[in-house]
C-alpha cells in the first residue's frame, strides 16, 4: 500500500496487511506520518517536556467526575 506523509509529503510503501494499513483504510480521518517525521516530533516533544513548561491536559471528551 502506498501512503503519503501528512507533514513532508514523502511517499512510502507499507505492507497492505499491516495493522497500520488496516487502520488507514477503515478510518480515513487517520493520517500517516513517516518514521523521520515521527522521530523528529518525538525528539522535539521530549525537549519541550524537559523545560518544565510543557503540560499534557486531559482530553476534552473525558467524562468529568462531579
PDB file of N, CA and C in Angstrom:
ATOM      1  N   UNK A   1       0.852  -1.170   0.000  1.00  0.00           N
ATOM      2  CA  UNK A   1       0.000   0.000   0.000  1.00  0.00           C
ATOM      3  C   UNK A   1       0.898   1.233   0.000  1.00  0.00           C
ATOM      4  N   UNK A   2       0.606   2.160  -0.876  1.00  0.00           N
ATOM      5  CA  UNK A   2       1.361   3.409  -0.930  1.00  0.00           C
ATOM      6  C   UNK A   2       0.674   4.445  -0.054  1.00  0.00           C
ATOM      7  N   UNK A   3       1.482   5.110   0.782  1.00  0.00           N
ATOM      8  CA  UNK A   3       0.945   6.126   1.688  1.00  0.00           C
ATOM      9  C   UNK A   3       1.808   7.375   1.581  1.00  0.00           C
ATOM     10  N   UNK A   4       1.218   8.500   1.927  1.00  0.00           N
ATOM     11  CA  UNK A   4       1.909   9.778   1.837  1.00  0.00           C
ATOM     12  C   UNK A   4       1.950  10.420   3.218  1.00  0.00           C
ATOM     13  N   UNK A   5       3.124  10.867   3.636  1.00  0.00           N
ATOM     14  CA  UNK A   5       3.285  11.516   4.930  1.00  0.00           C
ATOM     15  C   UNK A   5       2.516  12.840   4.918  1.00  0.00           C
ATOM     16  N   UNK A   6       1.777  13.088   5.971  1.00  0.00           N
ATOM     17  CA  UNK A   6       0.954  14.296   6.016  1.00  0.00           C
ATOM     18  C   UNK A   6       1.786  15.546   6.294  1.00  0.00           C
ATOM     19  N   UNK A   7       3.021  15.396   6.763  1.00  0.00           N
ATOM     20  CA  UNK A   7       3.856  16.556   7.067  1.00  0.00           C
ATOM     21  C   UNK A   7       4.829  16.909   5.950  1.00  0.00           C
ATOM     22  N   UNK A   8       5.558  15.907   5.458  1.00  0.00           N
ATOM     23  CA  UNK A   8       6.613  16.208   4.477  1.00  0.00           C
ATOM     24  C   UNK A   8       6.269  15.763   3.056  1.00  0.00           C
ATOM     25  N   UNK A   9       5.102  15.151   2.850  1.00  0.00           N
ATOM     26  CA  UNK A   9       4.630  14.680   1.539  1.00  0.00           C
ATOM     27  C   UNK A   9       5.515  13.609   0.914  1.00  0.00           C
ATOM     28  N   UNK A  10       6.266  12.890   1.740  1.00  0.00           N
ATOM     29  CA  UNK A  10       7.087  11.780   1.257  1.00  0.00           C
ATOM     30  C   UNK A  10       6.186  10.569   1.045  1.00  0.00           C
ATOM     31  N   UNK A  11       6.355   9.866  -0.062  1.00  0.00           N
ATOM     32  CA  UNK A  11       5.540   8.695  -0.373  1.00  0.00           C
ATOM     33  C   UNK A  11       6.310   7.442   0.035  1.00  0.00           C
ATOM     34  N   UNK A  12       5.674   6.610   0.888  1.00  0.00           N
ATOM     35  CA  UNK A  12       6.264   5.365   1.366  1.00  0.00           C
ATOM     36  C   UNK A  12       5.379   4.202   0.960  1.00  0.00           C
ATOM     37  N   UNK A  13       5.924   3.017   1.083  1.00  0.00           N
ATOM     38  CA  UNK A  13       5.173   1.803   0.843  1.00  0.00           C
ATOM     39  C   UNK A  13       5.146   1.000   2.137  1.00  0.00           C
ATOM     40  N   UNK A  14       3.941   0.627   2.582  1.00  0.00           N
ATOM     41  CA  UNK A  14       3.809  -0.216   3.762  1.00  0.00           C
ATOM     42  C   UNK A  14       3.091  -1.488   3.368  1.00  0.00           C
ATOM     43  N   UNK A  15       3.233  -2.514   4.194  1.00  0.00           N
ATOM     44  CA  UNK A  15       2.591  -3.795   3.931  1.00  0.00           C
ATOM     45  C   UNK A  15       1.076  -3.628   3.953  1.00  0.00           C
ATOM     46  N   UNK A  16       0.404  -4.121   2.941  1.00  0.00           N
ATOM     47  CA  UNK A  16      -1.050  -3.962   2.835  1.00  0.00           C
ATOM     48  C   UNK A  16      -1.810  -4.681   3.931  1.00  0.00           C
ATOM     49  N   UNK A  17      -1.188  -5.663   4.567  1.00  0.00           N
ATOM     50  CA  UNK A  17      -1.856  -6.441   5.603  1.00  0.00           C
ATOM     51  C   UNK A  17      -1.435  -6.013   6.998  1.00  0.00           C
ATOM     52  N   UNK A  18      -0.696  -4.945   7.132  1.00  0.00           N
ATOM     53  CA  UNK A  18      -0.259  -4.494   8.453  1.00  0.00           C
ATOM     54  C   UNK A  18      -1.408  -3.813   9.195  1.00  0.00           C
ATOM     55  N   UNK A  19      -1.252  -3.680  10.506  1.00  0.00           N
ATOM     56  CA  UNK A  19      -2.271  -3.034  11.323  1.00  0.00           C
ATOM     57  C   UNK A  19      -2.427  -1.570  10.924  1.00  0.00           C
ATOM     58  N   UNK A  20      -1.317  -0.919  10.626  1.00  0.00           N
ATOM     59  CA  UNK A  20      -1.370   0.496  10.239  1.00  0.00           C
ATOM     60  C   UNK A  20      -2.139   0.693   8.936  1.00  0.00           C
ATOM     61  N   UNK A  21      -1.938  -0.198   7.969  1.00  0.00           N
ATOM     62  CA  UNK A  21      -2.665  -0.106   6.699  1.00  0.00           C
ATOM     63  C   UNK A  21      -4.159  -0.320   6.919  1.00  0.00           C
ATOM     64  N   UNK A  22      -4.508  -1.268   7.776  1.00  0.00           N
ATOM     65  CA  UNK A  22      -5.918  -1.516   8.068  1.00  0.00           C
ATOM     66  C   UNK A  22      -6.547  -0.294   8.729  1.00  0.00           C
ATOM     67  N   UNK A  23      -5.828   0.316   9.661  1.00  0.00           N
ATOM     68  CA  UNK A  23      -6.344   1.497  10.346  1.00  0.00           C
ATOM     69  C   UNK A  23      -6.553   2.648   9.365  1.00  0.00           C
ATOM     70  N   UNK A  24      -5.626   2.831   8.431  1.00  0.00           N
ATOM     71  CA  UNK A  24      -5.760   3.909   7.451  1.00  0.00           C
ATOM     72  C   UNK A  24      -6.914   3.664   6.483  1.00  0.00           C
ATOM     73  N   UNK A  25      -7.154   2.404   6.130  1.00  0.00           N
ATOM     74  CA  UNK A  25      -8.265   2.086   5.237  1.00  0.00           C
ATOM     75  C   UNK A  25      -9.617   2.280   5.924  1.00  0.00           C
ATOM     76  N   UNK A  26      -9.725   1.840   7.160  1.00  0.00           N
ATOM     77  CA  UNK A  26     -11.019   1.849   7.848  1.00  0.00           C
ATOM     78  C   UNK A  26     -11.375   3.191   8.472  1.00  0.00           C
ATOM     79  N   UNK A  27     -10.380   4.003   8.780  1.00  0.00           N
ATOM     80  CA  UNK A  27     -10.641   5.306   9.391  1.00  0.00           C
ATOM     81  C   UNK A  27      -9.927   6.379   8.582  1.00  0.00           C
ATOM     82  N   UNK A  28     -10.575   6.929   7.580  1.00  0.00           N
ATOM     83  CA  UNK A  28      -9.928   7.892   6.685  1.00  0.00           C
ATOM     84  C   UNK A  28      -9.442   9.161   7.396  1.00  0.00           C
ATOM     85  N   UNK A  29      -9.951   9.441   8.587  1.00  0.00           N
ATOM     86  CA  UNK A  29      -9.506  10.639   9.302  1.00  0.00           C
ATOM     87  C   UNK A  29      -8.095  10.462   9.866  1.00  0.00           C
ATOM     88  N   UNK A  30      -7.644   9.226  10.002  1.00  0.00           N
ATOM     89  CA  UNK A  30      -6.286   8.963  10.485  1.00  0.00           C
ATOM     90  C   UNK A  30      -5.294   9.347   9.396  1.00  0.00           C
ATOM     91  N   UNK A  31      -4.158   9.885   9.796  1.00  0.00           N
ATOM     92  CA  UNK A  31      -3.149  10.287   8.825  1.00  0.00           C
ATOM     93  C   UNK A  31      -1.876   9.495   9.046  1.00  0.00           C
ATOM     94  N   UNK A  32      -1.112   9.337   7.995  1.00  0.00           N
ATOM     95  CA  UNK A  32       0.152   8.621   8.047  1.00  0.00           C
ATOM     96  C   UNK A  32       1.279   9.622   8.283  1.00  0.00           C
ATOM     97  N   UNK A  33       2.234   9.230   9.124  1.00  0.00           N
ATOM     98  CA  UNK A  33       3.413  10.048   9.366  1.00  0.00           C
ATOM     99  C   UNK A  33       4.644   9.151   9.179  1.00  0.00           C
ATOM    100  N   UNK A  34       5.586   9.576   8.350  1.00  0.00           N
ATOM    101  CA  UNK A  34       6.769   8.764   8.085  1.00  0.00           C
ATOM    102  C   UNK A  34       7.635   8.673   9.342  1.00  0.00           C
ATOM    103  N   UNK A  35       8.544   7.712   9.359  1.00  0.00           N
ATOM    104  CA  UNK A  35       9.381   7.462  10.526  1.00  0.00           C
ATOM    105  C   UNK A  35      10.266   8.670  10.856  1.00  0.00           C
ATOM    106  N   UNK A  36      10.763   9.363   9.856  1.00  0.00           N
ATOM    107  CA  UNK A  36      11.604  10.538  10.069  1.00  0.00           C
ATOM    108  C   UNK A  36      10.837  11.636  10.797  1.00  0.00           C
ATOM    109  N   UNK A  37       9.647  11.930  10.346  1.00  0.00           N
ATOM    110  CA  UNK A  37       8.830  12.967  10.991  1.00  0.00           C
ATOM    111  C   UNK A  37       8.413  12.541  12.392  1.00  0.00           C
ATOM    112  N   UNK A  38       8.108  11.274  12.561  1.00  0.00           N
ATOM    113  CA  UNK A  38       7.706  10.778  13.866  1.00  0.00           C
ATOM    114  C   UNK A  38       8.856  10.906  14.873  1.00  0.00           C
ATOM    115  N   UNK A  39      10.077  10.570  14.464  1.00  0.00           N
ATOM    116  CA  UNK A  39      11.235  10.710  15.345  1.00  0.00           C
ATOM    117  C   UNK A  39      11.510  12.173  15.665  1.00  0.00           C
ATOM    118  N   UNK A  40      11.351  13.039  14.667  1.00  0.00           N
ATOM    119  CA  UNK A  40      11.579  14.469  14.871  1.00  0.00           C
ATOM    120  C   UNK A  40      10.583  15.038  15.876  1.00  0.00           C
ATOM    121  N   UNK A  41       9.321  14.680  15.756  1.00  0.00           N
ATOM    122  CA  UNK A  41       8.307  15.183  16.676  1.00  0.00           C
ATOM    123  C   UNK A  41       8.528  14.625  18.076  1.00  0.00           C
ATOM    124  N   UNK A  42       8.920  13.358  18.177  1.00  0.00           N
ATOM    125  CA  UNK A  42       9.208  12.764  19.485  1.00  0.00           C
ATOM    126  C   UNK A  42      10.356  13.485  20.172  1.00  0.00           C
ATOM    127  N   UNK A  43      11.405  13.785  19.421  1.00  0.00           N
ATOM    128  CA  UNK A  43      12.556  14.484  19.994  1.00  0.00           C
ATOM    129  C   UNK A  43      12.186  15.905  20.426  1.00  0.00           C
ATOM    130  N   UNK A  44      11.440  16.612  19.598  1.00  0.00           N
ATOM    131  CA  UNK A  44      11.035  17.980  19.940  1.00  0.00           C
ATOM    132  C   UNK A  44      10.116  18.006  21.156  1.00  0.00           C
ATOM    133  N   UNK A  45       9.233  17.023  21.267  1.00  0.00           N
ATOM    134  CA  UNK A  45       8.335  16.945  22.414  1.00  0.00           C
ATOM    135  C   UNK A  45       9.129  16.667  23.690  1.00  0.00           C
ATOM    136  N   UNK A  46      10.121  15.790  23.594  1.00  0.00           N
ATOM    137  CA  UNK A  46      10.973  15.499  24.755  1.00  0.00           C
ATOM    138  C   UNK A  46      11.737  16.748  25.186  1.00  0.00           C
ATOM    139  N   UNK A  47      12.209  17.548  24.225  1.00  0.00           N
ATOM    140  CA  UNK A  47      12.900  18.793  24.554  1.00  0.00           C
ATOM    141  C   UNK A  47      11.971  19.760  25.283  1.00  0.00           C
ATOM    142  N   UNK A  48      10.734  19.878  24.801  1.00  0.00           N
ATOM    143  CA  UNK A  48       9.770  20.767  25.452  1.00  0.00           C
ATOM    144  C   UNK A  48       9.401  20.261  26.840  1.00  0.00           C
ATOM    145  N   UNK A  49       9.291  18.961  27.008  1.00  0.00           N
ATOM    146  CA  UNK A  49       8.954  18.388  28.310  1.00  0.00           C
ATOM    147  C   UNK A  49      10.074  18.629  29.314  1.00  0.00           C
ATOM    148  N   UNK A  50      11.311  18.656  28.836  1.00  0.00           N
ATOM    149  CA  UNK A  50      12.459  18.875  29.715  1.00  0.00           C
ATOM    150  C   UNK A  50      12.509  20.307  30.253  1.00  0.00           C
ATOM    151  N   UNK A  51      11.869  21.257  29.578  1.00  0.00           N
ATOM    152  CA  UNK A  51      11.894  22.642  30.042  1.00  0.00           C
ATOM    153  C   UNK A  51      10.973  22.860  31.231  1.00  0.00           C
ATOM    154  N   UNK A  52       9.998  21.979  31.428  1.00  0.00           N
ATOM    155  CA  UNK A  52       9.063  22.127  32.531  1.00  0.00           C
ATOM    156  C   UNK A  52       7.870  22.992  32.189  1.00  0.00           C
ATOM    157  N   UNK A  53       7.803  23.536  30.999  1.00  0.00           N
ATOM    158  CA  UNK A  53       6.690  24.384  30.595  1.00  0.00           C
ATOM    159  C   UNK A  53       5.703  23.655  29.694  1.00  0.00           C
ATOM    160  N   UNK A  54       5.894  22.373  29.531  1.00  0.00           N
ATOM    161  CA  UNK A  54       5.037  21.570  28.664  1.00  0.00           C
ATOM    162  C   UNK A  54       4.084  20.771  29.539  1.00  0.00           C
ATOM    163  N   UNK A  55       2.773  20.925  29.337  1.00  0.00           N
ATOM    164  CA  UNK A  55       1.777  20.233  30.138  1.00  0.00           C
ATOM    165  C   UNK A  55       0.851  19.446  29.222  1.00  0.00           C
ATOM    166  N   UNK A  56       0.587  18.214  29.610  1.00  0.00           N
ATOM    167  CA  UNK A  56      -0.397  17.414  28.900  1.00  0.00           C
ATOM    168  C   UNK A  56      -1.722  17.574  29.624  1.00  0.00           C
ATOM    169  N   UNK A  57      -2.701  18.093  28.935  1.00  0.00           N
ATOM    170  CA  UNK A  57      -4.014  18.305  29.514  1.00  0.00           C
ATOM    171  C   UNK A  57      -4.915  17.141  29.161  1.00  0.00           C
ATOM    172  N   UNK A  58      -5.877  16.812  30.034  1.00  0.00           N
ATOM    173  CA  UNK A  58      -6.786  15.706  29.718  1.00  0.00           C
ATOM    174  C   UNK A  58      -7.633  16.031  28.488  1.00  0.00           C
ATOM    175  N   UNK A  59      -8.053  14.991  27.836  1.00  0.00           N
ATOM    176  CA  UNK A  59      -8.862  15.149  26.639  1.00  0.00           C
ATOM    177  C   UNK A  59     -10.178  15.833  26.970  1.00  0.00           C
ATOM    178  N   UNK A  60     -10.690  16.612  26.041  1.00  0.00           N
ATOM    179  CA  UNK A  60     -11.949  17.319  26.225  1.00  0.00           C
ATOM    180  C   UNK A  60     -13.108  16.344  26.362  1.00  0.00           C
ATOM    181  N   UNK A  61     -12.985  15.178  25.760  1.00  0.00           N
ATOM    182  CA  UNK A  61     -14.081  14.225  25.724  1.00  0.00           C
ATOM    183  C   UNK A  61     -14.148  13.345  26.972  1.00  0.00           C
ATOM    184  N   UNK A  62     -13.198  13.483  27.872  1.00  0.00           N
ATOM    185  CA  UNK A  62     -13.257  12.681  29.085  1.00  0.00           C
ATOM    186  C   UNK A  62     -14.433  13.121  29.954  1.00  0.00           C
ATOM    187  N   UNK A  63     -15.024  12.159  30.612  1.00  0.00           N
ATOM    188  CA  UNK A  63     -16.158  12.492  31.483  1.00  0.00           C
ATOM    189  C   UNK A  63     -15.640  13.138  32.763  1.00  0.00           C
ATOM    190  N   UNK A  64     -16.338  14.155  33.179  1.00  0.00           N
ATOM    191  CA  UNK A  64     -15.969  14.817  34.421  1.00  0.00           C
ATOM    192  C   UNK A  64     -16.635  14.114  35.589  1.00  0.00           C
ATOM    193  N   UNK A  65     -15.923  14.054  36.681  1.00  0.00           N
ATOM    194  CA  UNK A  65     -16.485  13.469  37.901  1.00  0.00           C
ATOM    195  C   UNK A  65     -16.937  14.607  38.801  1.00  0.00           C
ATOM    196  N   UNK A  66     -18.224  14.779  38.942  1.00  0.00           N
ATOM    197  CA  UNK A  66     -18.755  15.856  39.772  1.00  0.00           C
ATOM    198  C   UNK A  66     -19.043  15.370  41.127  1.00  0.00           C
TER     199      UNK A  66
END
